[in-house]
Amino acid sequence: MFKATILSALLASAAAFAPTNFAGRRSTFVQEDAAAEAEAEPAAPAYVASESLPFMEKPANLAGYVGDVGFDPFRFSDFLPMDFLREAELKHGRICQLAVVGFAAVDLGFHIYPLPEAYEGLTSVTAHDALVKYGAMGQLLLWISLAEIISSVAVIQMLQGSGREPGDFGLDPIGFLKGKSEEEVNDMKLKEITHCRLAMFAFSGMVTQAVLTQGPFPYV
């Protein structure tokens, strides 16, 4: 009797260390679920370096726009509509193209005639304070604000899906785009955006040099 009791205790102790069929099945199910989840997860997108800033990733939302060189270091395109950003870029670039010509023209001696006596001897740099004093800058602010209000209607419609392209106001009096293919039109757009970007840098440089040197054109 004593021997039978000891034998029963030993068998019970050994059974405690034996693996159960349920645990094995559970492990198999977990492994199968993990494999299924791994297959379902999409592959991570490949890293694409910016052409203009090779040490940074190229913003994906710039793709498809004429003149795209991957330049968006502050990632504005991640949270603002690209059509709005392109509209702003074209507008500022066009203004700077006009500003470069106008800024240099004044310092080269081109003036409106008859020239008001208060404007005699003004340079492009000193003209600002004088025009503020005599009210001319107030008129500029009024008319430019009116133009901005009118043009904003087209921008809002564009963002709502009207089909209008950024910067397109139908202004082509010489007919540069008339009868052109899509490739030729895109080439003209590339030329415009390139000159816009150059003009923004150029005007910033011209104003800086003019203020530092207080000299006539070319401000050296």
N, C-alpha and C. Protein backbone atom coordinates (compact mmCIF):
# COMPACT_ATOMS: atom_id res chain seq x y z
N MET A 1 0.83 -1.21 0.00
CA MET A 1 0.00 0.00 0.00
C MET A 1 0.85 1.25 0.00
N PHE A 2 1.90 1.22 0.82
CA PHE A 2 2.80 2.38 0.91
C PHE A 2 3.51 2.62 -0.41
N LYS A 3 3.94 1.51 -1.05
CA LYS A 3 4.63 1.63 -2.34
C LYS A 3 3.70 2.20 -3.42
N ALA A 4 2.45 1.79 -3.39
CA ALA A 4 1.47 2.29 -4.39
C ALA A 4 1.24 3.78 -4.23
N THR A 5 1.22 4.23 -2.95
CA THR A 5 1.01 5.67 -2.70
C THR A 5 2.17 6.49 -3.25
N ILE A 6 3.42 6.01 -3.02
CA ILE A 6 4.60 6.73 -3.51
C ILE A 6 4.61 6.77 -5.02
N LEU A 7 4.26 5.66 -5.67
CA LEU A 7 4.24 5.59 -7.13
C LEU A 7 3.22 6.56 -7.71
N SER A 8 2.07 6.69 -7.09
CA SER A 8 1.03 7.61 -7.56
C SER A 8 1.51 9.06 -7.46
N ALA A 9 2.22 9.39 -6.36
CA ALA A 9 2.71 10.77 -6.17
C ALA A 9 3.75 11.12 -7.23
N LEU A 10 4.64 10.15 -7.54
CA LEU A 10 5.67 10.41 -8.55
C LEU A 10 5.05 10.64 -9.93
N LEU A 11 4.06 9.83 -10.28
CA LEU A 11 3.40 10.00 -11.57
C LEU A 11 2.69 11.35 -11.67
N ALA A 12 2.08 11.78 -10.60
CA ALA A 12 1.39 13.08 -10.60
C ALA A 12 2.38 14.22 -10.76
N SER A 13 3.56 14.11 -10.10
CA SER A 13 4.58 15.16 -10.22
C SER A 13 5.12 15.24 -11.63
N ALA A 14 5.34 14.08 -12.26
CA ALA A 14 5.88 14.07 -13.64
C ALA A 14 4.87 14.64 -14.62
N ALA A 15 3.59 14.40 -14.38
CA ALA A 15 2.55 14.90 -15.29
C ALA A 15 2.49 16.41 -15.29
N ALA A 16 2.90 17.03 -14.20
CA ALA A 16 2.85 18.49 -14.11
C ALA A 16 3.81 19.15 -15.09
N PHE A 17 4.90 18.45 -15.48
CA PHE A 17 5.89 19.02 -16.39
C PHE A 17 5.66 18.62 -17.84
N ALA A 18 4.64 17.82 -18.10
CA ALA A 18 4.39 17.37 -19.47
C ALA A 18 3.61 18.44 -20.22
N PRO A 19 3.99 18.79 -21.47
CA PRO A 19 3.25 19.80 -22.24
C PRO A 19 1.86 19.28 -22.61
N THR A 20 0.90 20.19 -22.60
CA THR A 20 -0.47 19.83 -22.95
C THR A 20 -0.72 20.10 -24.41
N ASN A 21 -1.69 19.37 -24.98
CA ASN A 21 -2.06 19.59 -26.38
C ASN A 21 -2.68 20.96 -26.61
N PHE A 22 -3.39 21.50 -25.64
CA PHE A 22 -4.05 22.81 -25.78
C PHE A 22 -3.03 23.92 -25.94
N ALA A 23 -1.97 23.87 -25.12
CA ALA A 23 -0.95 24.91 -25.21
C ALA A 23 -0.29 24.90 -26.58
N GLY A 24 -0.05 23.70 -27.11
CA GLY A 24 0.57 23.61 -28.42
C GLY A 24 -0.31 24.21 -29.50
N ARG A 25 -1.58 23.92 -29.43
CA ARG A 25 -2.50 24.48 -30.43
C ARG A 25 -2.58 25.99 -30.31
N ARG A 26 -2.57 26.52 -29.08
CA ARG A 26 -2.64 27.97 -28.87
C ARG A 26 -1.43 28.66 -29.47
N SER A 27 -0.23 28.07 -29.27
CA SER A 27 0.99 28.64 -29.83
C SER A 27 0.94 28.66 -31.35
N THR A 28 0.40 27.59 -31.92
CA THR A 28 0.29 27.54 -33.38
C THR A 28 -0.63 28.63 -33.90
N PHE A 29 -1.77 28.84 -33.21
CA PHE A 29 -2.72 29.87 -33.63
C PHE A 29 -2.08 31.26 -33.56
N VAL A 30 -1.32 31.55 -32.50
CA VAL A 30 -0.67 32.86 -32.36
C VAL A 30 0.31 33.09 -33.49
N GLN A 31 1.11 32.07 -33.82
CA GLN A 31 2.08 32.21 -34.91
C GLN A 31 1.39 32.44 -36.25
N GLU A 32 0.29 31.72 -36.49
CA GLU A 32 -0.44 31.91 -37.74
C GLU A 32 -1.04 33.30 -37.83
N ASP A 33 -1.59 33.82 -36.72
CA ASP A 33 -2.17 35.18 -36.71
C ASP A 33 -1.10 36.23 -36.98
N ALA A 34 0.09 36.05 -36.36
CA ALA A 34 1.18 37.00 -36.56
C ALA A 34 1.63 37.01 -38.01
N ALA A 35 1.69 35.83 -38.63
CA ALA A 35 2.11 35.75 -40.04
C ALA A 35 1.09 36.41 -40.94
N ALA A 36 -0.21 36.23 -40.64
CA ALA A 36 -1.27 36.85 -41.45
C ALA A 36 -1.22 38.37 -41.35
N GLU A 37 -0.98 38.90 -40.13
CA GLU A 37 -0.89 40.35 -39.95
C GLU A 37 0.31 40.92 -40.70
N ALA A 38 1.42 40.19 -40.69
CA ALA A 38 2.62 40.66 -41.39
C ALA A 38 2.37 40.74 -42.88
N GLU A 39 1.62 39.76 -43.43
CA GLU A 39 1.32 39.79 -44.86
C GLU A 39 0.35 40.91 -45.20
N ALA A 40 -0.58 41.22 -44.28
CA ALA A 40 -1.59 42.25 -44.55
C ALA A 40 -1.01 43.66 -44.50
N GLU A 41 0.05 43.89 -43.72
CA GLU A 41 0.63 45.23 -43.59
C GLU A 41 1.32 45.63 -44.90
N PRO A 42 0.98 46.86 -45.42
CA PRO A 42 1.63 47.32 -46.66
C PRO A 42 3.11 47.61 -46.44
N ALA A 43 3.87 47.45 -47.47
CA ALA A 43 5.30 47.72 -47.38
C ALA A 43 5.55 49.21 -47.20
N ALA A 44 6.54 49.55 -46.41
CA ALA A 44 6.88 50.96 -46.17
C ALA A 44 7.35 51.60 -47.47
N PRO A 45 6.89 52.86 -47.75
CA PRO A 45 7.30 53.51 -48.99
C PRO A 45 8.81 53.74 -49.04
N ALA A 46 9.36 53.65 -50.23
CA ALA A 46 10.80 53.84 -50.39
C ALA A 46 11.17 55.31 -50.18
N TYR A 47 12.30 55.56 -49.59
CA TYR A 47 12.78 56.92 -49.35
C TYR A 47 13.23 57.53 -50.67
N VAL A 48 12.71 58.72 -50.98
CA VAL A 48 13.09 59.44 -52.19
C VAL A 48 13.71 60.77 -51.78
N ALA A 49 14.95 61.00 -52.14
CA ALA A 49 15.64 62.23 -51.76
C ALA A 49 15.21 63.40 -52.65
N SER A 50 15.17 64.59 -52.08
CA SER A 50 14.84 65.80 -52.83
C SER A 50 15.96 66.12 -53.81
N GLU A 51 15.58 66.58 -55.00
CA GLU A 51 16.60 66.95 -56.00
C GLU A 51 17.37 68.20 -55.57
N SER A 52 16.66 69.17 -55.00
CA SER A 52 17.31 70.42 -54.62
C SER A 52 17.96 70.34 -53.24
N LEU A 53 17.44 69.47 -52.38
CA LEU A 53 17.99 69.29 -51.03
C LEU A 53 18.20 67.79 -50.79
N PRO A 54 19.29 67.24 -51.33
CA PRO A 54 19.49 65.78 -51.28
C PRO A 54 19.54 65.19 -49.88
N PHE A 55 19.78 66.01 -48.88
CA PHE A 55 19.85 65.50 -47.50
C PHE A 55 18.47 65.44 -46.85
N MET A 56 17.42 65.80 -47.60
CA MET A 56 16.06 65.76 -47.08
C MET A 56 15.18 64.91 -48.00
N GLU A 57 14.09 64.40 -47.45
CA GLU A 57 13.16 63.60 -48.23
C GLU A 57 12.31 64.49 -49.12
N LYS A 58 12.01 64.02 -50.32
CA LYS A 58 11.20 64.79 -51.26
C LYS A 58 9.74 64.75 -50.83
N PRO A 59 9.09 65.90 -50.63
CA PRO A 59 7.67 65.91 -50.27
C PRO A 59 6.82 65.30 -51.39
N ALA A 60 5.99 64.35 -51.04
CA ALA A 60 5.23 63.61 -52.05
C ALA A 60 4.21 64.47 -52.78
N ASN A 61 3.66 65.50 -52.11
CA ASN A 61 2.60 66.30 -52.71
C ASN A 61 3.08 67.24 -53.81
N LEU A 62 4.38 67.38 -53.99
CA LEU A 62 4.91 68.24 -55.05
C LEU A 62 4.85 67.57 -56.42
N ALA A 63 4.69 66.26 -56.43
CA ALA A 63 4.74 65.50 -57.69
C ALA A 63 3.63 65.95 -58.64
N GLY A 64 3.99 66.10 -59.91
CA GLY A 64 3.02 66.44 -60.93
C GLY A 64 2.94 67.92 -61.26
N TYR A 65 3.61 68.76 -60.49
CA TYR A 65 3.59 70.21 -60.75
C TYR A 65 4.84 70.62 -61.54
N VAL A 66 4.61 71.45 -62.54
CA VAL A 66 5.72 71.91 -63.38
C VAL A 66 6.73 72.67 -62.52
N GLY A 67 8.01 72.35 -62.72
CA GLY A 67 9.05 73.02 -61.95
C GLY A 67 9.36 72.37 -60.62
N ASP A 68 8.82 71.17 -60.38
CA ASP A 68 9.06 70.48 -59.12
C ASP A 68 10.50 70.00 -59.03
N VAL A 69 11.22 70.49 -58.03
CA VAL A 69 12.58 70.02 -57.75
C VAL A 69 12.69 69.55 -56.29
N GLY A 70 11.53 69.29 -55.69
CA GLY A 70 11.54 68.76 -54.32
C GLY A 70 11.89 69.78 -53.26
N PHE A 71 11.69 71.07 -53.54
CA PHE A 71 12.07 72.09 -52.56
C PHE A 71 10.86 72.50 -51.72
N ASP A 72 10.82 72.00 -50.51
CA ASP A 72 9.79 72.38 -49.53
C ASP A 72 10.31 72.01 -48.16
N PRO A 73 11.38 72.69 -47.70
CA PRO A 73 12.04 72.29 -46.45
C PRO A 73 11.15 72.39 -45.22
N PHE A 74 10.14 73.28 -45.25
CA PHE A 74 9.25 73.42 -44.10
C PHE A 74 7.99 72.57 -44.24
N ARG A 75 7.90 71.79 -45.33
CA ARG A 75 6.80 70.86 -45.55
C ARG A 75 5.43 71.53 -45.54
N PHE A 76 5.35 72.72 -46.16
CA PHE A 76 4.05 73.40 -46.26
C PHE A 76 3.06 72.55 -47.06
N SER A 77 3.57 71.80 -48.03
CA SER A 77 2.69 71.00 -48.88
C SER A 77 2.03 69.85 -48.14
N ASP A 78 2.46 69.57 -46.92
CA ASP A 78 1.85 68.50 -46.13
C ASP A 78 0.52 68.92 -45.53
N PHE A 79 0.33 70.25 -45.31
CA PHE A 79 -0.90 70.68 -44.64
C PHE A 79 -1.62 71.83 -45.35
N LEU A 80 -1.12 72.28 -46.51
CA LEU A 80 -1.80 73.30 -47.30
C LEU A 80 -2.03 72.76 -48.71
N PRO A 81 -3.13 73.17 -49.36
CA PRO A 81 -3.39 72.69 -50.73
C PRO A 81 -2.28 73.13 -51.68
N MET A 82 -1.81 72.22 -52.50
CA MET A 82 -0.73 72.54 -53.43
C MET A 82 -1.15 73.60 -54.45
N ASP A 83 -2.41 73.60 -54.88
CA ASP A 83 -2.87 74.62 -55.83
C ASP A 83 -2.76 76.01 -55.20
N PHE A 84 -3.07 76.12 -53.92
CA PHE A 84 -2.95 77.41 -53.23
C PHE A 84 -1.49 77.84 -53.14
N LEU A 85 -0.61 76.91 -52.84
CA LEU A 85 0.82 77.24 -52.75
C LEU A 85 1.38 77.65 -54.10
N ARG A 86 0.99 76.96 -55.17
CA ARG A 86 1.47 77.33 -56.50
C ARG A 86 0.91 78.70 -56.92
N GLU A 87 -0.34 78.97 -56.57
CA GLU A 87 -0.94 80.28 -56.85
C GLU A 87 -0.13 81.38 -56.18
N ALA A 88 0.22 81.17 -54.90
CA ALA A 88 0.98 82.17 -54.16
C ALA A 88 2.38 82.35 -54.74
N GLU A 89 3.00 81.25 -55.15
CA GLU A 89 4.34 81.33 -55.72
C GLU A 89 4.34 82.13 -57.02
N LEU A 90 3.38 81.86 -57.87
CA LEU A 90 3.29 82.57 -59.15
C LEU A 90 2.99 84.04 -58.92
N LYS A 91 2.08 84.34 -58.00
CA LYS A 91 1.71 85.74 -57.75
C LYS A 91 2.91 86.53 -57.25
N HIS A 92 3.61 86.00 -56.25
CA HIS A 92 4.77 86.71 -55.72
C HIS A 92 5.88 86.82 -56.76
N GLY A 93 6.04 85.78 -57.55
CA GLY A 93 7.07 85.82 -58.58
C GLY A 93 6.78 86.86 -59.65
N ARG A 94 5.52 86.96 -60.08
CA ARG A 94 5.15 87.94 -61.10
C ARG A 94 5.31 89.36 -60.57
N ILE A 95 4.92 89.57 -59.31
CA ILE A 95 5.08 90.89 -58.70
C ILE A 95 6.56 91.26 -58.63
N CYS A 96 7.40 90.30 -58.27
CA CYS A 96 8.83 90.59 -58.17
C CYS A 96 9.47 90.85 -59.53
N GLN A 97 8.97 90.22 -60.58
CA GLN A 97 9.48 90.52 -61.91
C GLN A 97 9.21 91.98 -62.27
N LEU A 98 8.00 92.45 -61.97
CA LEU A 98 7.67 93.86 -62.20
C LEU A 98 8.47 94.77 -61.28
N ALA A 99 8.66 94.32 -60.02
CA ALA A 99 9.37 95.14 -59.04
C ALA A 99 10.83 95.33 -59.40
N VAL A 100 11.47 94.29 -59.93
CA VAL A 100 12.88 94.40 -60.33
C VAL A 100 13.03 95.48 -61.40
N VAL A 101 12.15 95.44 -62.39
CA VAL A 101 12.22 96.43 -63.47
C VAL A 101 11.93 97.83 -62.93
N GLY A 102 10.88 97.95 -62.12
CA GLY A 102 10.51 99.27 -61.60
C GLY A 102 11.55 99.85 -60.66
N PHE A 103 12.11 99.01 -59.80
CA PHE A 103 13.11 99.48 -58.83
C PHE A 103 14.34 100.01 -59.54
N ALA A 104 14.80 99.28 -60.55
CA ALA A 104 15.99 99.71 -61.29
C ALA A 104 15.68 100.92 -62.17
N ALA A 105 14.47 100.97 -62.74
CA ALA A 105 14.13 102.07 -63.65
C ALA A 105 14.19 103.42 -62.96
N VAL A 106 13.71 103.49 -61.72
CA VAL A 106 13.73 104.77 -60.99
C VAL A 106 15.15 105.25 -60.80
N ASP A 107 16.04 104.33 -60.41
CA ASP A 107 17.43 104.73 -60.16
C ASP A 107 18.22 104.94 -61.44
N LEU A 108 17.65 104.55 -62.58
CA LEU A 108 18.29 104.82 -63.87
C LEU A 108 17.76 106.10 -64.51
N GLY A 109 16.87 106.81 -63.80
CA GLY A 109 16.40 108.10 -64.28
C GLY A 109 15.04 108.13 -64.91
N PHE A 110 14.34 107.00 -64.93
CA PHE A 110 13.00 106.98 -65.51
C PHE A 110 11.98 107.44 -64.46
N HIS A 111 11.20 108.45 -64.79
CA HIS A 111 10.21 109.00 -63.85
C HIS A 111 8.91 109.28 -64.59
N ILE A 112 7.85 109.48 -63.80
CA ILE A 112 6.59 109.91 -64.40
C ILE A 112 6.68 111.41 -64.69
N TYR A 113 6.04 111.87 -65.73
CA TYR A 113 6.05 113.29 -66.09
C TYR A 113 4.62 113.78 -66.27
N PRO A 114 4.31 114.96 -65.79
CA PRO A 114 5.20 115.85 -65.02
C PRO A 114 5.45 115.30 -63.63
N LEU A 115 6.69 115.38 -63.19
CA LEU A 115 7.09 114.84 -61.90
C LEU A 115 6.72 115.82 -60.79
N PRO A 116 5.94 115.39 -59.79
CA PRO A 116 5.61 116.29 -58.68
C PRO A 116 6.88 116.80 -58.00
N GLU A 117 6.84 118.04 -57.57
CA GLU A 117 8.03 118.66 -56.97
C GLU A 117 8.49 117.89 -55.74
N ALA A 118 7.56 117.31 -55.00
CA ALA A 118 7.92 116.58 -53.78
C ALA A 118 8.71 115.32 -54.08
N TYR A 119 8.64 114.83 -55.33
CA TYR A 119 9.33 113.60 -55.68
C TYR A 119 10.71 113.83 -56.29
N GLU A 120 11.12 115.07 -56.44
CA GLU A 120 12.42 115.38 -57.03
C GLU A 120 13.55 114.80 -56.18
N GLY A 121 14.49 114.14 -56.85
CA GLY A 121 15.67 113.64 -56.16
C GLY A 121 15.48 112.35 -55.39
N LEU A 122 14.33 111.74 -55.50
CA LEU A 122 14.10 110.51 -54.75
C LEU A 122 14.73 109.32 -55.46
N THR A 123 15.22 108.39 -54.67
CA THR A 123 15.70 107.12 -55.21
C THR A 123 14.67 106.03 -54.86
N SER A 124 14.90 104.85 -55.33
CA SER A 124 13.97 103.77 -55.02
C SER A 124 13.90 103.49 -53.53
N VAL A 125 15.01 103.69 -52.83
CA VAL A 125 15.04 103.44 -51.39
C VAL A 125 14.36 104.57 -50.62
N THR A 126 14.67 105.82 -50.96
CA THR A 126 14.11 106.95 -50.21
C THR A 126 12.67 107.27 -50.61
N ALA A 127 12.21 106.70 -51.73
CA ALA A 127 10.86 107.01 -52.20
C ALA A 127 9.79 106.50 -51.24
N HIS A 128 10.05 105.40 -50.56
CA HIS A 128 9.02 104.79 -49.71
C HIS A 128 8.51 105.77 -48.66
N ASP A 129 9.42 106.33 -47.85
CA ASP A 129 8.99 107.22 -46.77
C ASP A 129 8.32 108.47 -47.32
N ALA A 130 8.84 108.99 -48.44
CA ALA A 130 8.24 110.19 -49.03
C ALA A 130 6.83 109.92 -49.54
N LEU A 131 6.62 108.78 -50.17
CA LEU A 131 5.30 108.45 -50.70
C LEU A 131 4.31 108.16 -49.58
N VAL A 132 4.78 107.62 -48.47
CA VAL A 132 3.91 107.44 -47.31
C VAL A 132 3.48 108.80 -46.78
N LYS A 133 4.43 109.71 -46.71
CA LYS A 133 4.15 111.05 -46.17
C LYS A 133 3.12 111.80 -47.01
N TYR A 134 3.20 111.66 -48.34
CA TYR A 134 2.30 112.42 -49.22
C TYR A 134 1.06 111.62 -49.64
N GLY A 135 0.88 110.43 -49.11
CA GLY A 135 -0.37 109.69 -49.33
C GLY A 135 -0.40 108.75 -50.52
N ALA A 136 0.66 108.71 -51.31
CA ALA A 136 0.64 107.85 -52.50
C ALA A 136 0.61 106.37 -52.12
N MET A 137 1.30 105.99 -51.05
CA MET A 137 1.33 104.59 -50.65
C MET A 137 -0.04 104.12 -50.17
N GLY A 138 -0.82 105.04 -49.59
CA GLY A 138 -2.18 104.71 -49.18
C GLY A 138 -3.05 104.35 -50.37
N GLN A 139 -2.87 105.10 -51.48
CA GLN A 139 -3.62 104.78 -52.69
C GLN A 139 -3.20 103.42 -53.26
N LEU A 140 -1.90 103.15 -53.23
CA LEU A 140 -1.43 101.85 -53.71
C LEU A 140 -2.04 100.71 -52.90
N LEU A 141 -2.07 100.90 -51.58
CA LEU A 141 -2.64 99.88 -50.71
C LEU A 141 -4.12 99.65 -51.03
N LEU A 142 -4.84 100.73 -51.30
CA LEU A 142 -6.27 100.62 -51.61
C LEU A 142 -6.50 99.83 -52.89
N TRP A 143 -5.80 100.18 -53.97
CA TRP A 143 -6.04 99.54 -55.25
C TRP A 143 -5.52 98.11 -55.30
N ILE A 144 -4.40 97.87 -54.63
CA ILE A 144 -3.89 96.51 -54.58
C ILE A 144 -4.81 95.62 -53.75
N SER A 145 -5.35 96.14 -52.67
CA SER A 145 -6.29 95.38 -51.85
C SER A 145 -7.54 95.03 -52.65
N LEU A 146 -8.02 95.98 -53.46
CA LEU A 146 -9.18 95.72 -54.30
C LEU A 146 -8.90 94.60 -55.30
N ALA A 147 -7.71 94.64 -55.91
CA ALA A 147 -7.33 93.59 -56.86
C ALA A 147 -7.22 92.24 -56.17
N GLU A 148 -6.72 92.22 -54.94
CA GLU A 148 -6.61 90.98 -54.19
C GLU A 148 -7.99 90.39 -53.88
N ILE A 149 -8.93 91.25 -53.51
CA ILE A 149 -10.28 90.79 -53.20
C ILE A 149 -10.93 90.16 -54.43
N ILE A 150 -10.77 90.82 -55.57
CA ILE A 150 -11.38 90.31 -56.81
C ILE A 150 -10.73 88.98 -57.21
N SER A 151 -9.41 88.91 -57.15
CA SER A 151 -8.72 87.69 -57.57
C SER A 151 -8.96 86.53 -56.61
N SER A 152 -9.29 86.83 -55.35
CA SER A 152 -9.52 85.77 -54.38
C SER A 152 -10.75 84.93 -54.74
N VAL A 153 -11.67 85.51 -55.49
CA VAL A 153 -12.86 84.76 -55.92
C VAL A 153 -12.43 83.58 -56.79
N ALA A 154 -11.52 83.83 -57.73
CA ALA A 154 -11.03 82.77 -58.62
C ALA A 154 -10.27 81.71 -57.83
N VAL A 155 -9.52 82.14 -56.83
CA VAL A 155 -8.74 81.19 -56.02
C VAL A 155 -9.67 80.28 -55.21
N ILE A 156 -10.71 80.87 -54.63
CA ILE A 156 -11.66 80.08 -53.84
C ILE A 156 -12.37 79.06 -54.73
N GLN A 157 -12.78 79.50 -55.92
CA GLN A 157 -13.43 78.58 -56.85
C GLN A 157 -12.49 77.45 -57.27
N MET A 158 -11.22 77.78 -57.46
CA MET A 158 -10.23 76.77 -57.82
C MET A 158 -10.11 75.72 -56.73
N LEU A 159 -10.05 76.16 -55.47
CA LEU A 159 -9.91 75.23 -54.35
C LEU A 159 -11.16 74.39 -54.15
N GLN A 160 -12.28 74.86 -54.68
CA GLN A 160 -13.53 74.10 -54.58
C GLN A 160 -13.74 73.17 -55.77
N GLY A 161 -12.74 73.13 -56.69
CA GLY A 161 -12.80 72.18 -57.78
C GLY A 161 -13.34 72.71 -59.08
N SER A 162 -13.13 74.00 -59.37
CA SER A 162 -13.64 74.58 -60.61
C SER A 162 -12.87 74.11 -61.85
N GLY A 163 -11.66 73.57 -61.64
CA GLY A 163 -10.83 73.14 -62.76
C GLY A 163 -9.84 74.19 -63.23
N ARG A 164 -9.90 75.37 -62.64
CA ARG A 164 -8.94 76.43 -63.00
C ARG A 164 -7.55 76.03 -62.52
N GLU A 165 -6.54 76.30 -63.34
CA GLU A 165 -5.16 76.02 -62.94
C GLU A 165 -4.60 77.19 -62.14
N PRO A 166 -3.71 76.92 -61.20
CA PRO A 166 -3.13 77.99 -60.38
C PRO A 166 -2.48 79.07 -61.25
N GLY A 167 -2.80 80.32 -60.95
CA GLY A 167 -2.20 81.45 -61.65
C GLY A 167 -2.81 81.77 -63.01
N ASP A 168 -3.81 81.02 -63.43
CA ASP A 168 -4.40 81.21 -64.76
C ASP A 168 -5.52 82.24 -64.71
N PHE A 169 -5.26 83.43 -65.29
CA PHE A 169 -6.28 84.46 -65.39
C PHE A 169 -6.67 84.71 -66.84
N GLY A 170 -6.29 83.77 -67.72
CA GLY A 170 -6.64 83.91 -69.13
C GLY A 170 -5.93 85.06 -69.82
N LEU A 171 -4.80 85.51 -69.27
CA LEU A 171 -4.07 86.65 -69.84
C LEU A 171 -2.94 86.15 -70.73
N ASP A 172 -3.16 86.23 -72.02
CA ASP A 172 -2.14 85.83 -73.01
C ASP A 172 -2.35 86.67 -74.26
N PRO A 173 -2.16 88.01 -74.14
CA PRO A 173 -2.50 88.90 -75.27
C PRO A 173 -1.66 88.67 -76.51
N ILE A 174 -0.45 88.17 -76.37
CA ILE A 174 0.42 87.96 -77.53
C ILE A 174 0.22 86.57 -78.12
N GLY A 175 -0.45 85.69 -77.39
CA GLY A 175 -0.75 84.36 -77.90
C GLY A 175 0.40 83.39 -77.83
N PHE A 176 1.16 83.44 -76.75
CA PHE A 176 2.29 82.52 -76.58
C PHE A 176 1.83 81.06 -76.53
N LEU A 177 0.62 80.83 -75.99
CA LEU A 177 0.15 79.46 -75.81
C LEU A 177 -0.84 79.02 -76.89
N LYS A 178 -1.12 79.90 -77.81
CA LYS A 178 -2.12 79.58 -78.84
C LYS A 178 -1.60 78.48 -79.77
N GLY A 179 -2.40 77.41 -79.90
CA GLY A 179 -2.05 76.32 -80.80
C GLY A 179 -0.88 75.48 -80.35
N LYS A 180 -0.49 75.58 -79.09
CA LYS A 180 0.65 74.82 -78.58
C LYS A 180 0.20 73.47 -78.02
N SER A 181 1.09 72.49 -78.10
CA SER A 181 0.82 71.18 -77.53
C SER A 181 0.97 71.25 -76.01
N GLU A 182 0.53 70.19 -75.34
CA GLU A 182 0.66 70.16 -73.88
C GLU A 182 2.12 70.24 -73.45
N GLU A 183 2.99 69.58 -74.18
CA GLU A 183 4.42 69.63 -73.85
C GLU A 183 4.97 71.04 -74.00
N GLU A 184 4.56 71.73 -75.06
CA GLU A 184 5.03 73.11 -75.28
C GLU A 184 4.46 74.06 -74.22
N VAL A 185 3.22 73.84 -73.84
CA VAL A 185 2.61 74.67 -72.79
C VAL A 185 3.35 74.47 -71.46
N ASN A 186 3.66 73.22 -71.13
CA ASN A 186 4.39 72.94 -69.90
C ASN A 186 5.79 73.54 -69.92
N ASP A 187 6.39 73.60 -71.09
CA ASP A 187 7.71 74.22 -71.23
C ASP A 187 7.62 75.72 -70.94
N MET A 188 6.55 76.37 -71.42
CA MET A 188 6.36 77.79 -71.14
C MET A 188 6.09 78.02 -69.65
N LYS A 189 5.33 77.11 -69.04
CA LYS A 189 5.07 77.22 -67.61
C LYS A 189 6.35 77.07 -66.80
N LEU A 190 7.23 76.17 -67.26
CA LEU A 190 8.50 75.98 -66.57
C LEU A 190 9.36 77.24 -66.67
N LYS A 191 9.34 77.87 -67.83
CA LYS A 191 10.11 79.12 -67.99
C LYS A 191 9.57 80.21 -67.07
N GLU A 192 8.24 80.28 -66.97
CA GLU A 192 7.66 81.33 -66.12
C GLU A 192 8.01 81.10 -64.65
N ILE A 193 7.82 79.87 -64.17
CA ILE A 193 8.07 79.62 -62.75
C ILE A 193 9.55 79.79 -62.43
N THR A 194 10.42 79.47 -63.38
CA THR A 194 11.85 79.65 -63.18
C THR A 194 12.20 81.13 -63.05
N HIS A 195 11.63 81.96 -63.94
CA HIS A 195 11.87 83.40 -63.87
C HIS A 195 11.23 84.00 -62.62
N CYS A 196 10.09 83.47 -62.20
CA CYS A 196 9.46 83.95 -60.98
C CYS A 196 10.37 83.73 -59.77
N ARG A 197 10.92 82.54 -59.67
CA ARG A 197 11.80 82.22 -58.54
C ARG A 197 13.07 83.07 -58.57
N LEU A 198 13.62 83.25 -59.75
CA LEU A 198 14.81 84.08 -59.88
C LEU A 198 14.51 85.53 -59.49
N ALA A 199 13.35 86.04 -59.91
CA ALA A 199 12.98 87.42 -59.61
C ALA A 199 12.81 87.66 -58.11
N MET A 200 12.27 86.67 -57.41
CA MET A 200 12.10 86.83 -55.96
C MET A 200 13.45 86.95 -55.26
N PHE A 201 14.42 86.13 -55.68
CA PHE A 201 15.77 86.26 -55.13
C PHE A 201 16.40 87.58 -55.56
N ALA A 202 16.23 87.94 -56.82
CA ALA A 202 16.86 89.14 -57.36
C ALA A 202 16.36 90.40 -56.67
N PHE A 203 15.06 90.49 -56.46
CA PHE A 203 14.52 91.70 -55.83
C PHE A 203 14.99 91.82 -54.39
N SER A 204 15.04 90.70 -53.68
CA SER A 204 15.55 90.73 -52.31
C SER A 204 16.99 91.22 -52.28
N GLY A 205 17.80 90.73 -53.22
CA GLY A 205 19.19 91.16 -53.28
C GLY A 205 19.35 92.61 -53.66
N MET A 206 18.53 93.08 -54.63
CA MET A 206 18.61 94.47 -55.07
C MET A 206 18.28 95.43 -53.94
N VAL A 207 17.20 95.16 -53.20
CA VAL A 207 16.80 96.04 -52.11
C VAL A 207 17.87 96.05 -51.01
N THR A 208 18.39 94.89 -50.69
CA THR A 208 19.43 94.81 -49.66
C THR A 208 20.66 95.62 -50.06
N GLN A 209 21.13 95.45 -51.29
CA GLN A 209 22.29 96.18 -51.77
C GLN A 209 22.03 97.68 -51.83
N ALA A 210 20.83 98.06 -52.26
CA ALA A 210 20.50 99.48 -52.37
C ALA A 210 20.50 100.16 -51.01
N VAL A 211 20.00 99.47 -50.01
CA VAL A 211 19.98 100.04 -48.66
C VAL A 211 21.38 100.11 -48.07
N LEU A 212 22.18 99.07 -48.30
CA LEU A 212 23.53 99.03 -47.73
C LEU A 212 24.46 100.05 -48.37
N THR A 213 24.36 100.20 -49.68
CA THR A 213 25.30 101.09 -50.39
C THR A 213 24.78 102.50 -50.54
N GLN A 214 23.44 102.67 -50.50
CA GLN A 214 22.83 103.99 -50.73
C GLN A 214 23.30 104.59 -52.04
N GLY A 215 23.68 103.73 -52.96
CA GLY A 215 24.19 104.21 -54.23
C GLY A 215 23.23 103.97 -55.37
N PRO A 216 23.58 104.45 -56.54
CA PRO A 216 22.73 104.25 -57.71
C PRO A 216 22.87 102.83 -58.26
N PHE A 217 22.02 102.49 -59.19
CA PHE A 217 22.09 101.20 -59.85
C PHE A 217 23.47 101.05 -60.50
N PRO A 218 24.17 99.95 -60.39
CA PRO A 218 23.75 98.62 -59.90
C PRO A 218 24.05 98.34 -58.44
N TYR A 219 24.13 99.35 -57.62
CA TYR A 219 24.21 99.20 -56.15
C TYR A 219 25.46 98.42 -55.72
N VAL A 220 26.61 98.81 -56.24
CA VAL A 220 27.86 98.15 -55.83
C VAL A 220 28.82 99.19 -55.25
